[in-house]
Amino acid sequence: EDIVFDDGLRAKAEEDLCSGRKIIRFDEIKGLEQKLERLGKVPLPPYIKRDAKASDITRYQTVYAKIKGAVAAPTAGLHFLFFLLSKIKKKGARIKEVTLHVGPGTFQPVKCDNISEHRMEPEYFRITDDVVNAVNRAKKKKGRIIAVGTTSAKALESAVDDSGMLNAGEGYSELFIHPPYRFKIVDALLTNFHLPKSTLLMLVSAFAGRELMLRAYDEAVKQGYRFYSYGDAMLII
């Protein structure tokens, strides 16, 4: 299949990966990244009834983002601007950054009757020595590890050993966190309100308990909270 984009960009679909995705090969790679930036659209949630604006390119991104690779923004991090991060540091908290490139599989609904049969698609993650030293030191001193977003939580839980110590490294995680998973690193979680039947909702249910989450979501619906991207958040302690 030949694909013709605006801006004179052309590609050919070469391999079907199923689930509505294909591998495509572009005719020319010179300036490809810049062209994709111009042609791409910010994936605003369906309840925002407008086209994406120029400001969305900035707003639909965390202020601390550095490494390209995710298919969507880690939305829990959208709540933090530099002034808020500065206030958090002044209270004595140490802020460390991890990498997990969100893949399309994160947004695939679970269709299996038995959720343990659902298979997560691999997502790249990286944990540095600096993060490992800070986290393990905090755990030894009975400090609290607060993950900002399910992405951070998954990256941390993907790099922990049987003794509960975090390890540095990079790789591809297929970890599917759902009840009755027991978290080994994360003590508190800041996360957005997620969509029904999503793996993300199952992760927070594993963290806080299904019944508590049902009550929290019931309250969120009653109060008119926003879900998904650009949505409201909760801190689970």
Protein backbone atom coordinates (compact mmCIF):
# COMPACT_ATOMS: atom_id res chain seq x y z
CA GLU A 1 0.00 0.00 0.00
CA ASP A 2 1.36 3.41 -0.98
CA ILE A 3 0.73 6.21 1.51
CA VAL A 4 0.88 9.83 0.38
CA PHE A 5 1.06 12.52 3.06
CA ASP A 6 0.96 16.26 2.70
CA ASP A 7 4.28 18.05 2.31
CA GLY A 8 5.33 15.62 -0.45
CA LEU A 9 6.02 12.81 2.02
CA ARG A 10 5.50 9.27 0.71
CA ALA A 11 5.74 5.84 2.31
CA LYS A 12 4.93 2.18 1.65
CA ALA A 13 3.29 -0.25 4.07
CA GLU A 14 5.52 -3.33 4.10
CA GLU A 15 4.44 -5.57 6.98
CA ASP A 16 1.18 -6.08 8.84
CA LEU A 17 1.67 -6.30 12.62
CA CYS A 18 -2.04 -6.97 13.26
CA SER A 19 -4.10 -4.92 15.73
CA GLY A 20 -4.41 -2.21 13.10
CA ARG A 21 -0.69 -1.45 12.87
CA LYS A 22 1.85 -1.79 10.09
CA ILE A 23 5.54 -1.23 9.47
CA ILE A 24 5.98 1.50 6.88
CA ARG A 25 9.09 2.56 4.97
CA PHE A 26 9.50 6.18 3.94
CA ASP A 27 10.93 7.03 0.54
CA GLU A 28 13.30 9.57 2.05
CA ILE A 29 14.54 9.98 5.61
CA LYS A 30 16.24 13.36 5.20
CA GLY A 31 14.28 15.84 7.31
CA LEU A 32 11.74 13.10 8.16
CA GLU A 33 11.49 13.95 11.85
CA GLN A 34 10.79 17.61 11.11
CA LYS A 35 8.14 16.69 8.54
CA LEU A 36 6.41 14.32 10.95
CA GLU A 37 6.39 17.09 13.57
CA ARG A 38 4.56 19.37 11.13
CA LEU A 39 2.11 16.71 9.93
CA GLY A 40 1.36 15.09 13.30
CA LYS A 41 -1.59 16.10 15.45
CA VAL A 42 -1.77 16.29 19.23
CA PRO A 43 -4.01 13.42 20.48
CA LEU A 44 -6.50 15.47 22.46
CA PRO A 45 -9.09 13.45 24.40
CA PRO A 46 -12.55 13.15 22.82
CA TYR A 47 -14.27 15.41 25.38
CA ILE A 48 -12.26 18.43 24.15
CA LYS A 49 -14.51 19.53 21.31
CA ARG A 50 -12.03 21.50 19.25
CA ASP A 51 -9.08 21.01 16.95
CA ALA A 52 -5.61 21.06 18.44
CA LYS A 53 -4.05 24.51 18.70
CA ALA A 54 -0.43 25.57 18.61
CA SER A 55 -0.45 25.86 22.41
CA ASP A 56 -1.33 22.16 22.69
CA ILE A 57 2.06 21.22 21.26
CA THR A 58 3.60 22.74 24.38
CA ARG A 59 0.89 21.86 26.88
CA TYR A 60 0.59 18.20 25.89
CA GLN A 61 4.11 17.56 27.13
CA THR A 62 5.78 17.49 30.53
CA VAL A 63 8.10 20.39 31.32
CA TYR A 64 10.91 17.94 32.07
CA ALA A 65 10.62 15.79 28.93
CA LYS A 66 13.95 15.12 27.21
CA ILE A 67 13.99 11.79 25.34
CA LYS A 68 11.75 11.12 22.33
CA GLY A 69 10.12 7.73 21.89
CA ALA A 70 6.69 7.58 23.56
CA VAL A 71 3.46 7.52 21.56
CA ALA A 72 1.68 9.65 24.17
CA ALA A 73 2.56 12.02 26.98
CA PRO A 74 2.79 10.62 30.54
CA THR A 75 -0.22 12.66 31.57
CA ALA A 76 0.27 12.61 35.35
CA GLY A 77 3.38 14.70 34.77
CA LEU A 78 1.38 17.42 33.00
CA HIS A 79 0.27 18.69 36.41
CA PHE A 80 3.81 19.80 37.32
CA LEU A 81 5.22 23.15 36.21
CA PHE A 82 8.70 24.33 37.18
CA PHE A 83 7.45 26.53 40.03
CA LEU A 84 5.64 23.56 41.59
CA LEU A 85 8.66 21.30 41.22
CA SER A 86 10.74 23.99 42.93
CA LYS A 87 8.30 24.15 45.87
CA ILE A 88 8.39 20.36 46.22
CA LYS A 89 12.19 20.38 46.35
CA LYS A 90 12.15 23.10 49.02
CA LYS A 91 10.05 20.80 51.20
CA GLY A 92 12.91 18.30 51.16
CA ALA A 93 11.75 15.88 48.48
CA ARG A 94 14.30 14.58 46.00
CA ILE A 95 13.10 14.44 42.40
CA LYS A 96 14.59 11.84 40.07
CA GLU A 97 13.69 11.07 36.45
CA VAL A 98 13.15 7.69 34.82
CA THR A 99 12.34 6.81 31.21
CA LEU A 100 9.53 4.63 29.94
CA HIS A 101 8.36 5.05 26.35
CA VAL A 102 4.60 4.56 26.39
CA GLY A 103 3.56 2.23 23.58
CA PRO A 104 0.20 1.78 21.85
CA GLY A 105 -0.39 -1.44 23.81
CA THR A 106 -0.91 0.60 26.99
CA PHE A 107 -4.15 1.94 25.50
CA GLN A 108 -5.48 -1.37 24.21
CA PRO A 109 -8.52 -2.47 26.25
CA VAL A 110 -8.30 -5.82 27.99
CA LYS A 111 -10.63 -8.20 26.14
CA CYS A 112 -9.78 -11.48 27.90
CA ASP A 113 -12.28 -12.84 30.42
CA ASN A 114 -9.27 -13.86 32.51
CA ILE A 115 -7.09 -10.75 32.76
CA SER A 116 -3.98 -12.83 33.49
CA GLU A 117 -4.18 -14.00 29.85
CA HIS A 118 -3.74 -10.45 28.54
CA ARG A 119 -0.27 -9.79 27.13
CA MET A 120 1.34 -6.37 27.35
CA GLU A 121 3.38 -5.19 24.40
CA PRO A 122 7.03 -4.41 25.20
CA GLU A 123 7.82 -0.84 26.25
CA TYR A 124 11.35 0.54 26.49
CA PHE A 125 12.52 1.73 29.90
CA ARG A 126 15.76 3.03 31.40
CA ILE A 127 16.82 3.43 35.03
CA THR A 128 20.11 5.23 35.75
CA ASP A 129 22.58 4.64 38.58
CA ASP A 130 21.66 8.03 40.02
CA VAL A 131 18.03 6.99 40.36
CA VAL A 132 18.95 3.60 41.81
CA ASN A 133 21.21 5.10 44.46
CA ALA A 134 18.58 7.65 45.53
CA VAL A 135 15.71 5.14 45.64
CA ASN A 136 17.60 2.39 47.45
CA ARG A 137 18.98 4.88 49.96
CA ALA A 138 15.48 6.20 50.62
CA LYS A 139 14.07 2.68 51.06
CA LYS A 140 16.77 1.81 53.59
CA LYS A 141 15.94 4.94 55.57
CA LYS A 142 12.21 4.10 55.48
CA GLY A 143 11.59 6.98 53.09
CA ARG A 144 8.60 7.08 50.79
CA ILE A 145 8.88 6.60 47.01
CA ILE A 146 6.18 8.58 45.18
CA ALA A 147 5.76 7.68 41.52
CA VAL A 148 4.38 10.37 39.23
CA GLY A 149 2.27 8.40 36.78
CA THR A 150 1.73 4.77 35.91
CA THR A 151 4.71 5.01 33.51
CA SER A 152 7.11 5.83 36.34
CA ALA A 153 5.57 3.14 38.52
CA LYS A 154 5.92 0.51 35.80
CA ALA A 155 9.53 1.49 35.06
CA LEU A 156 10.48 1.20 38.74
CA GLU A 157 8.65 -2.08 39.28
CA SER A 158 10.25 -3.51 36.13
CA ALA A 159 13.75 -2.97 37.53
CA VAL A 160 13.40 -4.35 41.06
CA ASP A 161 14.94 -7.66 42.17
CA ASP A 162 13.55 -10.29 44.54
CA SER A 163 15.17 -8.59 47.53
CA GLY A 164 13.27 -5.37 46.83
CA MET A 165 16.31 -3.44 45.60
CA LEU A 166 16.17 -1.32 42.46
CA ASN A 167 18.69 -2.05 39.70
CA ALA A 168 20.08 0.19 37.00
CA GLY A 169 19.66 -0.77 33.37
CA GLU A 170 17.52 -0.55 30.29
CA GLY A 171 15.38 -2.93 28.32
CA TYR A 172 11.83 -3.70 27.28
CA SER A 173 9.20 -4.32 29.91
CA GLU A 174 6.19 -6.58 29.36
CA LEU A 175 5.09 -6.23 32.97
CA PHE A 176 1.30 -6.23 33.33
CA ILE A 177 0.40 -4.94 36.78
CA HIS A 178 -3.03 -6.04 37.95
CA PRO A 179 -4.55 -7.39 41.18
CA PRO A 180 -3.17 -9.11 43.23
CA TYR A 181 0.24 -7.68 42.28
CA ARG A 182 2.28 -6.48 45.28
CA PHE A 183 4.35 -3.35 44.67
CA LYS A 184 7.99 -3.62 45.76
CA ILE A 185 9.25 -0.06 45.21
CA VAL A 186 6.38 2.42 44.87
CA ASP A 187 4.80 3.65 48.12
CA ALA A 188 2.50 6.37 46.75
CA LEU A 189 1.18 7.09 43.28
CA LEU A 190 -0.01 10.25 41.56
CA THR A 191 -2.09 9.35 38.51
CA ASN A 192 -4.84 10.63 36.26
CA PHE A 193 -8.32 9.11 36.07
CA HIS A 194 -8.18 6.36 33.46
CA LEU A 195 -10.63 4.82 31.02
CA PRO A 196 -12.72 1.69 31.79
CA LYS A 197 -11.26 -1.74 30.96
CA SER A 198 -7.77 -0.23 30.54
CA THR A 199 -4.55 -1.76 31.84
CA LEU A 200 -3.86 1.54 33.61
CA LEU A 201 -7.06 1.26 35.64
CA MET A 202 -6.03 -2.27 36.61
CA LEU A 203 -2.63 -0.99 37.73
CA VAL A 204 -4.16 1.54 40.12
CA SER A 205 -6.62 -1.10 41.33
CA ALA A 206 -3.67 -3.31 42.19
CA PHE A 207 -2.08 -0.42 44.06
CA ALA A 208 -5.06 0.84 46.06
CA GLY A 209 -7.55 -2.01 45.92
CA ARG A 210 -10.44 -2.47 43.53
CA GLU A 211 -13.22 -1.43 45.91
CA LEU A 212 -11.50 1.79 46.97
CA MET A 213 -10.91 2.68 43.31
CA LEU A 214 -14.56 2.04 42.46
CA ARG A 215 -15.60 4.44 45.21
CA ALA A 216 -13.06 7.04 44.07
CA TYR A 217 -14.22 6.83 40.46
CA ASP A 218 -17.87 7.01 41.51
CA GLU A 219 -17.07 10.23 43.37
CA ALA A 220 -15.13 11.55 40.37
CA VAL A 221 -18.09 10.98 38.05
CA LYS A 222 -20.48 12.67 40.49
CA GLN A 223 -18.19 15.69 40.80
CA GLY A 224 -17.65 16.02 37.04
CA TYR A 225 -13.94 15.22 37.07
CA ARG A 226 -12.13 15.05 33.74
CA PHE A 227 -10.68 11.72 32.69
CA TYR A 228 -7.75 10.80 30.44
CA SER A 229 -5.37 13.38 28.88
CA TYR A 230 -5.69 16.93 30.25
CA GLY A 231 -7.72 15.31 33.00
CA ASP A 232 -7.80 15.48 36.76
CA ALA A 233 -5.49 13.48 39.01
CA MET A 234 -5.48 11.70 42.33
CA LEU A 235 -2.74 10.99 44.85
CA ILE A 236 -2.98 7.46 46.25
CA ILE A 237 -1.19 7.17 49.58
